[in-house]
Amino acid sequence: MPKTPPDFSALEKAIGYTFKNKSLAADALTHSSMGENNNERLEFLGDRVLALVVAETILQKYSAEKEGDLAKRLAVLVQGEIIAEIAAEINLGDYIVLSAGERNAGAAESENILSDAFEALLGAVYLDGGLKPCQALIERLWDTRFENMKTPPQHPKARVQEWAQGRGLPLPAYKIVDREGPDHAPVFSIELTVEGFDPVIGKGRSRPAAEKDAAIFFLAREDS
């Protein structure tokens, strides 16, 4: 007997798109813990689709800005933390197919797994319906995130670099000093060193997140 496709109706309503090929949605929501037939290839595609659509959107919304400022906006709007927030808002974790061990360990709430699954879902939408529904989906779910960003954001790492260069110091150095937790939900500890100053430690669920945390800590300490 043919396999009955999962019921994605509530998810489809949340993203504003109905799949013609339900198997694409099923593939997008299958984690690598389930074996070789997983969502990694669709995640690869969805990552590029997301970057393209967001880049085009901010290019239109901020027509007077230079490339550097647009790049700052793009980096924030497509970061894993934002994608995972949006995935949680549409309850995407309820639909991700995980091994029993991963599910019981709380992997469905992992920032990395949520963001990867969302990008895979976007890749599936692209294959199923093309670019136009991807644009509509992103405009629908990102919505106020585009409008709330009044000025181009300055990443904390860039601010630390400018701070150091303004004082004639070498570039800041970041290195991993610890990694804890399971593979699906690691916690990284990153040491940030600026010549002549005591190092600081930042923590995060990914290396970029931990580096950002360390930079924020350093800036808060030196600006106080």
N, C-alpha and C. Protein backbone atom coordinates (compact mmCIF):
# COMPACT_ATOMS: atom_id res chain seq x y z
N MET A 1 0.84 -1.20 0.00
CA MET A 1 0.00 0.00 0.00
C MET A 1 0.87 1.25 0.00
N PRO A 2 0.48 2.30 -0.74
CA PRO A 2 1.27 3.54 -0.73
C PRO A 2 1.22 4.21 0.63
N LYS A 3 2.29 4.84 0.95
CA LYS A 3 2.37 5.53 2.24
C LYS A 3 1.48 6.77 2.24
N THR A 4 0.72 6.92 3.30
CA THR A 4 -0.15 8.09 3.43
C THR A 4 0.70 9.31 3.78
N PRO A 5 0.60 10.40 3.00
CA PRO A 5 1.43 11.58 3.30
C PRO A 5 1.01 12.22 4.61
N PRO A 6 1.96 12.78 5.35
CA PRO A 6 1.62 13.44 6.62
C PRO A 6 0.68 14.62 6.39
N ASP A 7 -0.02 14.99 7.43
CA ASP A 7 -0.94 16.13 7.35
C ASP A 7 -0.17 17.41 7.66
N PHE A 8 0.10 18.19 6.63
CA PHE A 8 0.83 19.43 6.78
C PHE A 8 -0.09 20.64 6.71
N SER A 9 -1.40 20.43 6.80
CA SER A 9 -2.34 21.52 6.53
C SER A 9 -2.14 22.72 7.45
N ALA A 10 -1.91 22.49 8.74
CA ALA A 10 -1.72 23.61 9.66
C ALA A 10 -0.42 24.35 9.36
N LEU A 11 0.62 23.59 9.01
CA LEU A 11 1.90 24.21 8.65
C LEU A 11 1.76 24.99 7.35
N GLU A 12 1.07 24.42 6.38
CA GLU A 12 0.87 25.11 5.11
C GLU A 12 0.10 26.43 5.32
N LYS A 13 -0.86 26.41 6.21
CA LYS A 13 -1.59 27.64 6.51
C LYS A 13 -0.66 28.67 7.14
N ALA A 14 0.23 28.21 8.02
CA ALA A 14 1.15 29.13 8.72
C ALA A 14 2.14 29.78 7.75
N ILE A 15 2.57 29.04 6.73
CA ILE A 15 3.54 29.60 5.79
C ILE A 15 2.87 30.23 4.57
N GLY A 16 1.56 30.01 4.45
CA GLY A 16 0.84 30.60 3.33
C GLY A 16 1.10 29.92 2.00
N TYR A 17 1.41 28.63 2.05
CA TYR A 17 1.68 27.90 0.81
C TYR A 17 1.20 26.45 0.96
N THR A 18 0.52 25.96 -0.08
CA THR A 18 0.05 24.57 -0.10
C THR A 18 0.87 23.79 -1.12
N PHE A 19 1.49 22.73 -0.66
CA PHE A 19 2.33 21.91 -1.52
C PHE A 19 1.51 21.08 -2.51
N LYS A 20 1.96 21.09 -3.75
CA LYS A 20 1.39 20.17 -4.73
C LYS A 20 1.99 18.78 -4.53
N ASN A 21 3.29 18.75 -4.24
CA ASN A 21 4.02 17.51 -4.00
C ASN A 21 4.33 17.42 -2.51
N LYS A 22 3.50 16.71 -1.76
CA LYS A 22 3.66 16.63 -0.31
C LYS A 22 4.96 15.94 0.09
N SER A 23 5.48 15.09 -0.79
CA SER A 23 6.71 14.38 -0.44
C SER A 23 7.89 15.33 -0.31
N LEU A 24 7.85 16.45 -1.02
CA LEU A 24 8.91 17.45 -0.88
C LEU A 24 8.90 18.03 0.53
N ALA A 25 7.70 18.32 1.03
CA ALA A 25 7.59 18.83 2.40
C ALA A 25 8.07 17.79 3.40
N ALA A 26 7.72 16.53 3.17
CA ALA A 26 8.15 15.46 4.07
C ALA A 26 9.67 15.34 4.07
N ASP A 27 10.28 15.42 2.89
CA ASP A 27 11.74 15.34 2.81
C ASP A 27 12.39 16.52 3.55
N ALA A 28 11.80 17.71 3.42
CA ALA A 28 12.36 18.90 4.06
C ALA A 28 12.35 18.81 5.57
N LEU A 29 11.46 18.02 6.10
CA LEU A 29 11.29 17.95 7.55
C LEU A 29 11.87 16.66 8.14
N THR A 30 12.69 15.96 7.37
CA THR A 30 13.31 14.73 7.86
C THR A 30 14.76 15.00 8.24
N HIS A 31 15.05 14.88 9.51
CA HIS A 31 16.38 15.18 10.05
C HIS A 31 17.38 14.07 9.70
N SER A 32 18.64 14.42 9.70
CA SER A 32 19.70 13.47 9.33
C SER A 32 19.79 12.28 10.28
N SER A 33 19.22 12.42 11.48
CA SER A 33 19.23 11.29 12.42
C SER A 33 18.40 10.12 11.91
N MET A 34 17.59 10.35 10.86
CA MET A 34 16.75 9.31 10.29
C MET A 34 17.45 8.55 9.17
N GLY A 35 18.70 8.91 8.86
CA GLY A 35 19.44 8.19 7.84
C GLY A 35 19.80 9.05 6.65
N GLU A 36 20.12 8.40 5.53
CA GLU A 36 20.62 9.12 4.36
C GLU A 36 19.56 9.98 3.68
N ASN A 37 18.32 9.54 3.67
CA ASN A 37 17.26 10.31 3.02
C ASN A 37 16.76 11.39 3.97
N ASN A 38 17.47 12.53 4.00
CA ASN A 38 17.16 13.58 4.96
C ASN A 38 17.08 14.93 4.25
N ASN A 39 17.00 15.99 5.03
CA ASN A 39 16.74 17.32 4.47
C ASN A 39 17.99 18.16 4.17
N GLU A 40 19.17 17.57 4.22
CA GLU A 40 20.39 18.37 4.09
C GLU A 40 20.53 19.02 2.72
N ARG A 41 20.17 18.31 1.66
CA ARG A 41 20.28 18.88 0.31
C ARG A 41 19.28 20.02 0.11
N LEU A 42 18.06 19.84 0.62
CA LEU A 42 17.06 20.91 0.52
C LEU A 42 17.46 22.10 1.37
N GLU A 43 18.10 21.86 2.50
CA GLU A 43 18.58 22.96 3.35
C GLU A 43 19.63 23.77 2.61
N PHE A 44 20.50 23.09 1.88
CA PHE A 44 21.53 23.76 1.06
C PHE A 44 20.86 24.70 0.05
N LEU A 45 19.81 24.23 -0.59
CA LEU A 45 19.10 25.04 -1.57
C LEU A 45 18.35 26.19 -0.90
N GLY A 46 17.64 25.89 0.17
CA GLY A 46 16.84 26.91 0.84
C GLY A 46 17.67 28.04 1.41
N ASP A 47 18.86 27.74 1.85
CA ASP A 47 19.77 28.76 2.36
C ASP A 47 20.05 29.81 1.28
N ARG A 48 20.26 29.35 0.05
CA ARG A 48 20.55 30.27 -1.06
C ARG A 48 19.30 31.04 -1.48
N VAL A 49 18.16 30.38 -1.47
CA VAL A 49 16.91 31.05 -1.82
C VAL A 49 16.60 32.16 -0.81
N LEU A 50 16.78 31.87 0.46
CA LEU A 50 16.52 32.86 1.50
C LEU A 50 17.41 34.08 1.32
N ALA A 51 18.70 33.85 1.11
CA ALA A 51 19.64 34.96 0.94
C ALA A 51 19.27 35.81 -0.27
N LEU A 52 18.88 35.15 -1.36
CA LEU A 52 18.51 35.88 -2.58
C LEU A 52 17.28 36.75 -2.35
N VAL A 53 16.24 36.18 -1.76
CA VAL A 53 14.98 36.92 -1.58
C VAL A 53 15.17 38.07 -0.59
N VAL A 54 15.87 37.82 0.51
CA VAL A 54 16.10 38.89 1.49
C VAL A 54 16.96 39.99 0.89
N ALA A 55 17.99 39.60 0.12
CA ALA A 55 18.86 40.60 -0.51
C ALA A 55 18.05 41.47 -1.47
N GLU A 56 17.19 40.86 -2.27
CA GLU A 56 16.38 41.64 -3.21
C GLU A 56 15.41 42.56 -2.46
N THR A 57 14.83 42.07 -1.38
CA THR A 57 13.87 42.85 -0.61
C THR A 57 14.52 44.10 -0.01
N ILE A 58 15.68 43.93 0.63
CA ILE A 58 16.32 45.09 1.25
C ILE A 58 16.90 46.03 0.20
N LEU A 59 17.26 45.48 -0.97
CA LEU A 59 17.74 46.32 -2.06
C LEU A 59 16.65 47.30 -2.49
N GLN A 60 15.40 46.82 -2.50
CA GLN A 60 14.27 47.66 -2.89
C GLN A 60 13.85 48.60 -1.77
N LYS A 61 13.85 48.09 -0.54
CA LYS A 61 13.39 48.90 0.60
C LYS A 61 14.36 50.01 0.95
N TYR A 62 15.65 49.79 0.76
CA TYR A 62 16.66 50.77 1.17
C TYR A 62 17.49 51.15 -0.06
N SER A 63 16.83 51.79 -1.01
CA SER A 63 17.43 52.06 -2.32
C SER A 63 18.59 53.05 -2.26
N ALA A 64 18.69 53.82 -1.17
CA ALA A 64 19.76 54.82 -1.07
C ALA A 64 21.00 54.30 -0.36
N GLU A 65 20.94 53.09 0.18
CA GLU A 65 22.06 52.59 0.97
C GLU A 65 23.15 51.96 0.11
N LYS A 66 24.37 52.04 0.63
CA LYS A 66 25.51 51.44 -0.04
C LYS A 66 25.57 49.94 0.23
N GLU A 67 26.41 49.25 -0.55
CA GLU A 67 26.51 47.79 -0.45
C GLU A 67 26.86 47.34 0.96
N GLY A 68 27.78 48.06 1.61
CA GLY A 68 28.20 47.65 2.94
C GLY A 68 27.07 47.64 3.95
N ASP A 69 26.21 48.65 3.90
CA ASP A 69 25.07 48.72 4.82
C ASP A 69 24.04 47.64 4.50
N LEU A 70 23.83 47.38 3.22
CA LEU A 70 22.91 46.31 2.83
C LEU A 70 23.42 44.96 3.32
N ALA A 71 24.73 44.77 3.23
CA ALA A 71 25.33 43.51 3.69
C ALA A 71 25.11 43.31 5.19
N LYS A 72 25.17 44.40 5.96
CA LYS A 72 24.93 44.30 7.40
C LYS A 72 23.50 43.87 7.67
N ARG A 73 22.56 44.45 6.94
CA ARG A 73 21.16 44.07 7.11
C ARG A 73 20.95 42.59 6.76
N LEU A 74 21.53 42.19 5.63
CA LEU A 74 21.37 40.81 5.18
C LEU A 74 21.91 39.82 6.20
N ALA A 75 23.09 40.11 6.74
CA ALA A 75 23.72 39.19 7.69
C ALA A 75 22.84 38.95 8.91
N VAL A 76 22.16 40.00 9.37
CA VAL A 76 21.29 39.86 10.54
C VAL A 76 20.01 39.12 10.19
N LEU A 77 19.41 39.46 9.06
CA LEU A 77 18.10 38.92 8.71
C LEU A 77 18.12 37.44 8.34
N VAL A 78 19.29 36.91 7.95
CA VAL A 78 19.35 35.50 7.57
C VAL A 78 20.15 34.68 8.58
N GLN A 79 20.47 35.24 9.73
CA GLN A 79 21.22 34.48 10.72
C GLN A 79 20.35 33.39 11.34
N GLY A 80 21.01 32.32 11.81
CA GLY A 80 20.29 31.17 12.34
C GLY A 80 19.35 31.50 13.47
N GLU A 81 19.74 32.45 14.31
CA GLU A 81 18.90 32.82 15.46
C GLU A 81 17.54 33.34 15.00
N ILE A 82 17.54 34.20 13.98
CA ILE A 82 16.30 34.76 13.46
C ILE A 82 15.46 33.67 12.80
N ILE A 83 16.10 32.83 11.99
CA ILE A 83 15.38 31.76 11.31
C ILE A 83 14.74 30.81 12.32
N ALA A 84 15.48 30.47 13.38
CA ALA A 84 14.94 29.57 14.41
C ALA A 84 13.76 30.21 15.14
N GLU A 85 13.82 31.52 15.37
CA GLU A 85 12.69 32.22 16.00
C GLU A 85 11.44 32.10 15.14
N ILE A 86 11.60 32.31 13.85
CA ILE A 86 10.47 32.22 12.93
C ILE A 86 9.95 30.79 12.86
N ALA A 87 10.87 29.83 12.83
CA ALA A 87 10.47 28.42 12.82
C ALA A 87 9.65 28.07 14.07
N ALA A 88 10.07 28.60 15.21
CA ALA A 88 9.32 28.34 16.45
C ALA A 88 7.95 28.99 16.41
N GLU A 89 7.85 30.16 15.80
CA GLU A 89 6.57 30.87 15.72
C GLU A 89 5.54 30.08 14.93
N ILE A 90 5.99 29.29 13.96
CA ILE A 90 5.04 28.48 13.17
C ILE A 90 5.01 27.03 13.65
N ASN A 91 5.60 26.77 14.83
CA ASN A 91 5.60 25.43 15.44
C ASN A 91 6.24 24.39 14.52
N LEU A 92 7.30 24.76 13.84
CA LEU A 92 7.92 23.85 12.90
C LEU A 92 8.48 22.60 13.58
N GLY A 93 8.93 22.75 14.82
CA GLY A 93 9.49 21.61 15.54
C GLY A 93 8.53 20.45 15.68
N ASP A 94 7.22 20.73 15.67
CA ASP A 94 6.21 19.67 15.78
C ASP A 94 6.21 18.75 14.56
N TYR A 95 6.73 19.23 13.44
CA TYR A 95 6.66 18.49 12.18
C TYR A 95 7.98 17.84 11.79
N ILE A 96 9.06 18.17 12.49
CA ILE A 96 10.36 17.61 12.13
C ILE A 96 10.43 16.14 12.53
N VAL A 97 10.82 15.31 11.59
CA VAL A 97 10.93 13.87 11.84
C VAL A 97 12.33 13.58 12.35
N LEU A 98 12.40 13.12 13.59
CA LEU A 98 13.68 12.85 14.26
C LEU A 98 13.69 11.43 14.78
N SER A 99 14.89 10.91 15.03
CA SER A 99 14.98 9.64 15.73
C SER A 99 14.41 9.81 17.14
N ALA A 100 13.98 8.71 17.73
CA ALA A 100 13.39 8.78 19.07
C ALA A 100 14.37 9.39 20.08
N GLY A 101 15.64 9.02 19.95
CA GLY A 101 16.64 9.55 20.87
C GLY A 101 16.79 11.05 20.76
N GLU A 102 16.83 11.55 19.52
CA GLU A 102 16.97 12.99 19.30
C GLU A 102 15.73 13.73 19.80
N ARG A 103 14.56 13.20 19.50
CA ARG A 103 13.31 13.85 19.94
C ARG A 103 13.26 13.90 21.46
N ASN A 104 13.59 12.80 22.12
CA ASN A 104 13.54 12.76 23.59
C ASN A 104 14.58 13.68 24.22
N ALA A 105 15.66 13.95 23.50
CA ALA A 105 16.71 14.83 24.02
C ALA A 105 16.39 16.30 23.77
N GLY A 106 15.25 16.58 23.15
CA GLY A 106 14.85 17.96 22.94
C GLY A 106 15.36 18.58 21.66
N ALA A 107 15.76 17.75 20.70
CA ALA A 107 16.34 18.27 19.46
C ALA A 107 15.36 19.13 18.66
N ALA A 108 14.07 18.90 18.83
CA ALA A 108 13.07 19.67 18.07
C ALA A 108 13.06 21.14 18.45
N GLU A 109 13.69 21.48 19.58
CA GLU A 109 13.77 22.88 20.00
C GLU A 109 15.15 23.47 19.75
N SER A 110 16.05 22.68 19.16
CA SER A 110 17.41 23.14 18.89
C SER A 110 17.41 24.24 17.84
N GLU A 111 18.15 25.32 18.11
CA GLU A 111 18.24 26.43 17.16
C GLU A 111 18.76 25.96 15.81
N ASN A 112 19.80 25.13 15.83
CA ASN A 112 20.40 24.67 14.58
C ASN A 112 19.43 23.81 13.78
N ILE A 113 18.74 22.90 14.46
CA ILE A 113 17.83 21.99 13.76
C ILE A 113 16.62 22.74 13.23
N LEU A 114 16.10 23.68 14.01
CA LEU A 114 14.96 24.48 13.54
C LEU A 114 15.32 25.32 12.33
N SER A 115 16.47 25.99 12.40
CA SER A 115 16.85 26.86 11.28
C SER A 115 17.15 26.04 10.03
N ASP A 116 17.80 24.89 10.20
CA ASP A 116 18.09 24.04 9.04
C ASP A 116 16.80 23.51 8.42
N ALA A 117 15.85 23.10 9.25
CA ALA A 117 14.59 22.56 8.74
C ALA A 117 13.79 23.64 8.03
N PHE A 118 13.84 24.86 8.55
CA PHE A 118 13.11 25.94 7.88
C PHE A 118 13.72 26.21 6.51
N GLU A 119 15.04 26.26 6.43
CA GLU A 119 15.69 26.49 5.13
C GLU A 119 15.38 25.34 4.17
N ALA A 120 15.34 24.12 4.69
CA ALA A 120 14.98 22.98 3.84
C ALA A 120 13.54 23.11 3.34
N LEU A 121 12.65 23.56 4.21
CA LEU A 121 11.26 23.76 3.82
C LEU A 121 11.16 24.82 2.72
N LEU A 122 11.95 25.88 2.86
CA LEU A 122 11.97 26.92 1.83
C LEU A 122 12.50 26.36 0.51
N GLY A 123 13.51 25.51 0.58
CA GLY A 123 14.01 24.86 -0.62
C GLY A 123 12.95 24.00 -1.28
N ALA A 124 12.15 23.32 -0.46
CA ALA A 124 11.06 22.50 -0.98
C ALA A 124 10.00 23.35 -1.66
N VAL A 125 9.67 24.50 -1.06
CA VAL A 125 8.70 25.41 -1.66
C VAL A 125 9.21 25.88 -3.03
N TYR A 126 10.50 26.19 -3.10
CA TYR A 126 11.09 26.64 -4.36
C TYR A 126 10.95 25.56 -5.44
N LEU A 127 11.27 24.32 -5.11
CA LEU A 127 11.17 23.24 -6.09
C LEU A 127 9.72 22.96 -6.46
N ASP A 128 8.83 23.13 -5.52
CA ASP A 128 7.42 22.82 -5.76
C ASP A 128 6.70 23.93 -6.52
N GLY A 129 7.05 25.19 -6.23
CA GLY A 129 6.28 26.29 -6.82
C GLY A 129 7.08 27.42 -7.42
N GLY A 130 8.40 27.37 -7.30
CA GLY A 130 9.22 28.44 -7.87
C GLY A 130 9.54 29.54 -6.88
N LEU A 131 10.11 30.62 -7.39
CA LEU A 131 10.59 31.70 -6.53
C LEU A 131 9.47 32.56 -5.96
N LYS A 132 8.40 32.78 -6.72
CA LYS A 132 7.35 33.70 -6.29
C LYS A 132 6.74 33.32 -4.94
N PRO A 133 6.35 32.05 -4.71
CA PRO A 133 5.81 31.72 -3.39
C PRO A 133 6.85 31.83 -2.28
N CYS A 134 8.13 31.66 -2.61
CA CYS A 134 9.18 31.85 -1.60
C CYS A 134 9.23 33.31 -1.18
N GLN A 135 9.11 34.21 -2.15
CA GLN A 135 9.09 35.64 -1.85
C GLN A 135 7.90 35.99 -0.95
N ALA A 136 6.73 35.45 -1.29
CA ALA A 136 5.54 35.73 -0.49
C ALA A 136 5.67 35.17 0.92
N LEU A 137 6.25 33.98 1.03
CA LEU A 137 6.44 33.33 2.34
C LEU A 137 7.36 34.17 3.22
N ILE A 138 8.46 34.61 2.65
CA ILE A 138 9.44 35.39 3.43
C ILE A 138 8.86 36.75 3.82
N GLU A 139 8.18 37.40 2.90
CA GLU A 139 7.54 38.68 3.23
C GLU A 139 6.52 38.51 4.35
N ARG A 140 5.81 37.39 4.32
CA ARG A 140 4.78 37.10 5.33
C ARG A 140 5.40 36.86 6.70
N LEU A 141 6.46 36.07 6.75
CA LEU A 141 7.02 35.65 8.04
C LEU A 141 8.07 36.61 8.60
N TRP A 142 8.80 37.27 7.73
CA TRP A 142 9.79 38.25 8.21
C TRP A 142 9.11 39.58 8.56
N ASP A 143 8.15 39.98 7.75
CA ASP A 143 7.25 41.11 7.99
C ASP A 143 7.93 42.27 8.73
N THR A 144 7.62 42.43 10.03
CA THR A 144 8.12 43.59 10.78
C THR A 144 9.63 43.57 10.99
N ARG A 145 10.26 42.44 10.79
CA ARG A 145 11.72 42.39 10.95
C ARG A 145 12.42 43.27 9.92
N PHE A 146 11.81 43.40 8.76
CA PHE A 146 12.36 44.32 7.76
C PHE A 146 12.15 45.77 8.20
N GLU A 147 10.96 46.06 8.70
CA GLU A 147 10.60 47.44 9.02
C GLU A 147 11.24 47.93 10.32
N ASN A 148 11.44 47.03 11.27
CA ASN A 148 11.97 47.43 12.58
C ASN A 148 13.45 47.78 12.55
N MET A 149 14.14 47.40 11.50
CA MET A 149 15.56 47.67 11.39
C MET A 149 15.75 49.06 10.78
N LYS A 150 15.63 50.08 11.63
CA LYS A 150 15.64 51.47 11.15
C LYS A 150 16.97 51.86 10.51
N THR A 151 18.06 51.41 11.10
CA THR A 151 19.39 51.71 10.57
C THR A 151 20.15 50.40 10.37
N PRO A 152 21.16 50.39 9.49
CA PRO A 152 21.94 49.16 9.29
C PRO A 152 22.58 48.72 10.60
N PRO A 153 22.37 47.49 11.02
CA PRO A 153 22.95 47.03 12.28
C PRO A 153 24.46 46.85 12.17
N GLN A 154 25.13 47.13 13.25
CA GLN A 154 26.58 46.93 13.32
C GLN A 154 26.82 45.69 14.16
N HIS A 155 27.35 44.65 13.56
CA HIS A 155 27.59 43.41 14.29
C HIS A 155 28.61 43.67 15.40
N PRO A 156 28.41 43.10 16.58
CA PRO A 156 29.35 43.31 17.68
C PRO A 156 30.80 42.98 17.32
N LYS A 157 31.03 41.95 16.50
CA LYS A 157 32.40 41.63 16.10
C LYS A 157 33.01 42.76 15.29
N ALA A 158 32.21 43.38 14.42
CA ALA A 158 32.72 44.50 13.63
C ALA A 158 33.03 45.69 14.53
N ARG A 159 32.20 45.89 15.54
CA ARG A 159 32.43 46.99 16.47
C ARG A 159 33.71 46.78 17.27
N VAL A 160 33.96 45.55 17.69
CA VAL A 160 35.21 45.26 18.42
C VAL A 160 36.41 45.49 17.51
N GLN A 161 36.29 45.06 16.25
CA GLN A 161 37.40 45.26 15.32
C GLN A 161 37.68 46.75 15.11
N GLU A 162 36.64 47.54 14.93
CA GLU A 162 36.82 48.99 14.76
C GLU A 162 37.41 49.61 16.02
N TRP A 163 36.95 49.13 17.18
CA TRP A 163 37.45 49.62 18.47
C TRP A 163 38.95 49.37 18.57
N ALA A 164 39.39 48.16 18.22
CA ALA A 164 40.80 47.82 18.30
C ALA A 164 41.63 48.60 17.27
N GLN A 165 41.14 48.68 16.06
CA GLN A 165 41.88 49.40 15.01
C GLN A 165 41.98 50.89 15.32
N GLY A 166 40.96 51.43 15.95
CA GLY A 166 40.98 52.84 16.32
C GLY A 166 42.04 53.15 17.34
N ARG A 167 42.53 52.13 18.04
CA ARG A 167 43.58 52.31 19.04
C ARG A 167 44.92 51.77 18.56
N GLY A 168 44.98 51.46 17.27
CA GLY A 168 46.24 50.98 16.70
C GLY A 168 46.61 49.58 17.14
N LEU A 169 45.64 48.76 17.51
CA LEU A 169 45.90 47.40 18.00
C LEU A 169 45.70 46.37 16.89
N PRO A 170 46.33 45.22 17.02
CA PRO A 170 46.10 44.14 16.04
C PRO A 170 44.64 43.69 16.06
N LEU A 171 44.25 42.94 15.04
CA LEU A 171 42.88 42.44 14.97
C LEU A 171 42.56 41.53 16.16
N PRO A 172 41.35 41.58 16.67
CA PRO A 172 40.94 40.68 17.76
C PRO A 172 41.05 39.23 17.31
N ALA A 173 41.29 38.35 18.26
CA ALA A 173 41.43 36.92 17.98
C ALA A 173 40.35 36.14 18.71
N TYR A 174 39.73 35.19 18.03
CA TYR A 174 38.69 34.34 18.62
C TYR A 174 39.14 32.88 18.53
N LYS A 175 38.98 32.14 19.60
CA LYS A 175 39.30 30.71 19.54
C LYS A 175 38.35 29.92 20.44
N ILE A 176 38.06 28.69 20.01
CA ILE A 176 37.20 27.80 20.79
C ILE A 176 38.00 27.26 21.97
N VAL A 177 37.45 27.40 23.18
CA VAL A 177 38.12 26.87 24.37
C VAL A 177 37.34 25.72 24.99
N ASP A 178 36.09 25.53 24.54
CA ASP A 178 35.31 24.42 25.08
C ASP A 178 34.11 24.18 24.18
N ARG A 179 33.64 22.94 24.17
CA ARG A 179 32.42 22.56 23.45
C ARG A 179 31.72 21.49 24.27
N GLU A 180 30.50 21.77 24.67
CA GLU A 180 29.74 20.86 25.52
C GLU A 180 28.43 20.48 24.84
N GLY A 181 27.76 19.50 25.43
CA GLY A 181 26.43 19.13 24.97
C GLY A 181 26.45 18.16 23.80
N PRO A 182 25.26 17.62 23.45
CA PRO A 182 25.14 16.67 22.34
C PRO A 182 25.32 17.36 21.00
N ASP A 183 25.48 16.56 19.95
CA ASP A 183 25.73 17.12 18.62
C ASP A 183 24.58 18.01 18.14
N HIS A 184 23.34 17.66 18.51
CA HIS A 184 22.19 18.44 18.02
C HIS A 184 22.01 19.75 18.77
N ALA A 185 22.63 19.87 19.95
CA ALA A 185 22.48 21.10 20.73
C ALA A 185 23.78 21.44 21.45
N PRO A 186 24.84 21.69 20.69
CA PRO A 186 26.13 22.00 21.33
C PRO A 186 26.13 23.39 21.95
N VAL A 187 27.02 23.57 22.92
CA VAL A 187 27.26 24.89 23.50
C VAL A 187 28.75 25.17 23.36
N PHE A 188 29.07 26.21 22.60
CA PHE A 188 30.46 26.58 22.37
C PHE A 188 30.88 27.67 23.34
N SER A 189 32.14 27.59 23.78
CA SER A 189 32.76 28.65 24.56
C SER A 189 33.90 29.23 23.72
N ILE A 190 33.84 30.52 23.47
CA ILE A 190 34.82 31.21 22.64
C ILE A 190 35.55 32.25 23.46
N GLU A 191 36.88 32.23 23.35
CA GLU A 191 37.69 33.24 24.02
C GLU A 191 38.05 34.34 23.01
N LEU A 192 37.75 35.57 23.39
CA LEU A 192 38.10 36.74 22.59
C LEU A 192 39.28 37.44 23.25
N THR A 193 40.33 37.65 22.45
CA THR A 193 41.53 38.32 22.96
C THR A 193 41.83 39.56 22.14
N VAL A 194 42.01 40.67 22.83
CA VAL A 194 42.48 41.92 22.22
C VAL A 194 43.78 42.27 22.93
N GLU A 195 44.82 42.52 22.15
CA GLU A 195 46.14 42.76 22.72
C GLU A 195 46.11 43.86 23.77
N GLY A 196 46.66 43.53 24.96
CA GLY A 196 46.73 44.51 26.03
C GLY A 196 45.53 44.51 26.97
N PHE A 197 44.55 43.64 26.71
CA PHE A 197 43.34 43.59 27.53
C PHE A 197 43.07 42.15 27.96
N ASP A 198 42.45 42.01 29.11
CA ASP A 198 42.10 40.67 29.58
C ASP A 198 41.11 40.01 28.62
N PRO A 199 41.30 38.72 28.33
CA PRO A 199 40.38 38.03 27.42
C PRO A 199 38.99 37.87 28.06
N VAL A 200 37.99 37.66 27.22
CA VAL A 200 36.64 37.40 27.69
C VAL A 200 36.14 36.11 27.05
N ILE A 201 35.17 35.48 27.69
CA ILE A 201 34.59 34.23 27.19
C ILE A 201 33.13 34.47 26.83
N GLY A 202 32.74 34.02 25.65
CA GLY A 202 31.35 34.07 25.23
C GLY A 202 30.84 32.66 24.99
N LYS A 203 29.54 32.46 25.16
CA LYS A 203 28.94 31.15 24.95
C LYS A 203 27.77 31.25 23.98
N GLY A 204 27.56 30.19 23.23
CA GLY A 204 26.45 30.17 22.29
C GLY A 204 26.24 28.79 21.71
N ARG A 205 25.10 28.59 21.05
CA ARG A 205 24.77 27.28 20.49
C ARG A 205 25.43 27.03 19.14
N SER A 206 26.17 28.01 18.66
CA SER A 206 26.98 27.85 17.46
C SER A 206 28.23 28.68 17.65
N ARG A 207 29.25 28.43 16.83
CA ARG A 207 30.47 29.24 16.97
C ARG A 207 30.20 30.72 16.72
N PRO A 208 29.46 31.09 15.65
CA PRO A 208 29.17 32.52 15.44
C PRO A 208 28.42 33.14 16.61
N ALA A 209 27.48 32.40 17.19
CA ALA A 209 26.71 32.94 18.32
C ALA A 209 27.61 33.17 19.52
N ALA A 210 28.55 32.25 19.76
CA ALA A 210 29.47 32.40 20.89
C ALA A 210 30.44 33.56 20.66
N GLU A 211 30.90 33.73 19.42
CA GLU A 211 31.78 34.85 19.10
C GLU A 211 31.04 36.18 19.30
N LYS A 212 29.80 36.22 18.88
CA LYS A 212 28.99 37.43 19.07
C LYS A 212 28.82 37.73 20.55
N ASP A 213 28.56 36.70 21.34
CA ASP A 213 28.38 36.87 22.78
C ASP A 213 29.66 37.42 23.42
N ALA A 214 30.80 36.89 23.00
CA ALA A 214 32.08 37.37 23.54
C ALA A 214 32.31 38.83 23.17
N ALA A 215 31.98 39.19 21.94
CA ALA A 215 32.16 40.58 21.49
C ALA A 215 31.28 41.53 22.29
N ILE A 216 30.02 41.12 22.53
CA ILE A 216 29.10 41.94 23.32
C ILE A 216 29.64 42.13 24.74
N PHE A 217 30.15 41.05 25.32
CA PHE A 217 30.72 41.10 26.67
C PHE A 217 31.90 42.06 26.71
N PHE A 218 32.79 41.95 25.71
CA PHE A 218 33.97 42.81 25.67
C PHE A 218 33.57 44.29 25.57
N LEU A 219 32.65 44.59 24.67
CA LEU A 219 32.22 45.98 24.48
C LEU A 219 31.57 46.53 25.74
N ALA A 220 30.74 45.72 26.39
CA ALA A 220 30.07 46.16 27.62
C ALA A 220 31.09 46.46 28.71
N ARG A 221 32.13 45.61 28.77
CA ARG A 221 33.16 45.82 29.80
C ARG A 221 33.98 47.07 29.54
N GLU A 222 34.37 47.28 28.29
CA GLU A 222 35.24 48.42 27.99
C GLU A 222 34.49 49.73 27.92
N ASP A 223 33.19 49.68 27.65
CA ASP A 223 32.40 50.91 27.57
C ASP A 223 31.87 51.34 28.93
N SER A 224 32.01 50.46 29.92
CA SER A 224 31.45 50.78 31.25
C SER A 224 32.37 51.72 32.03
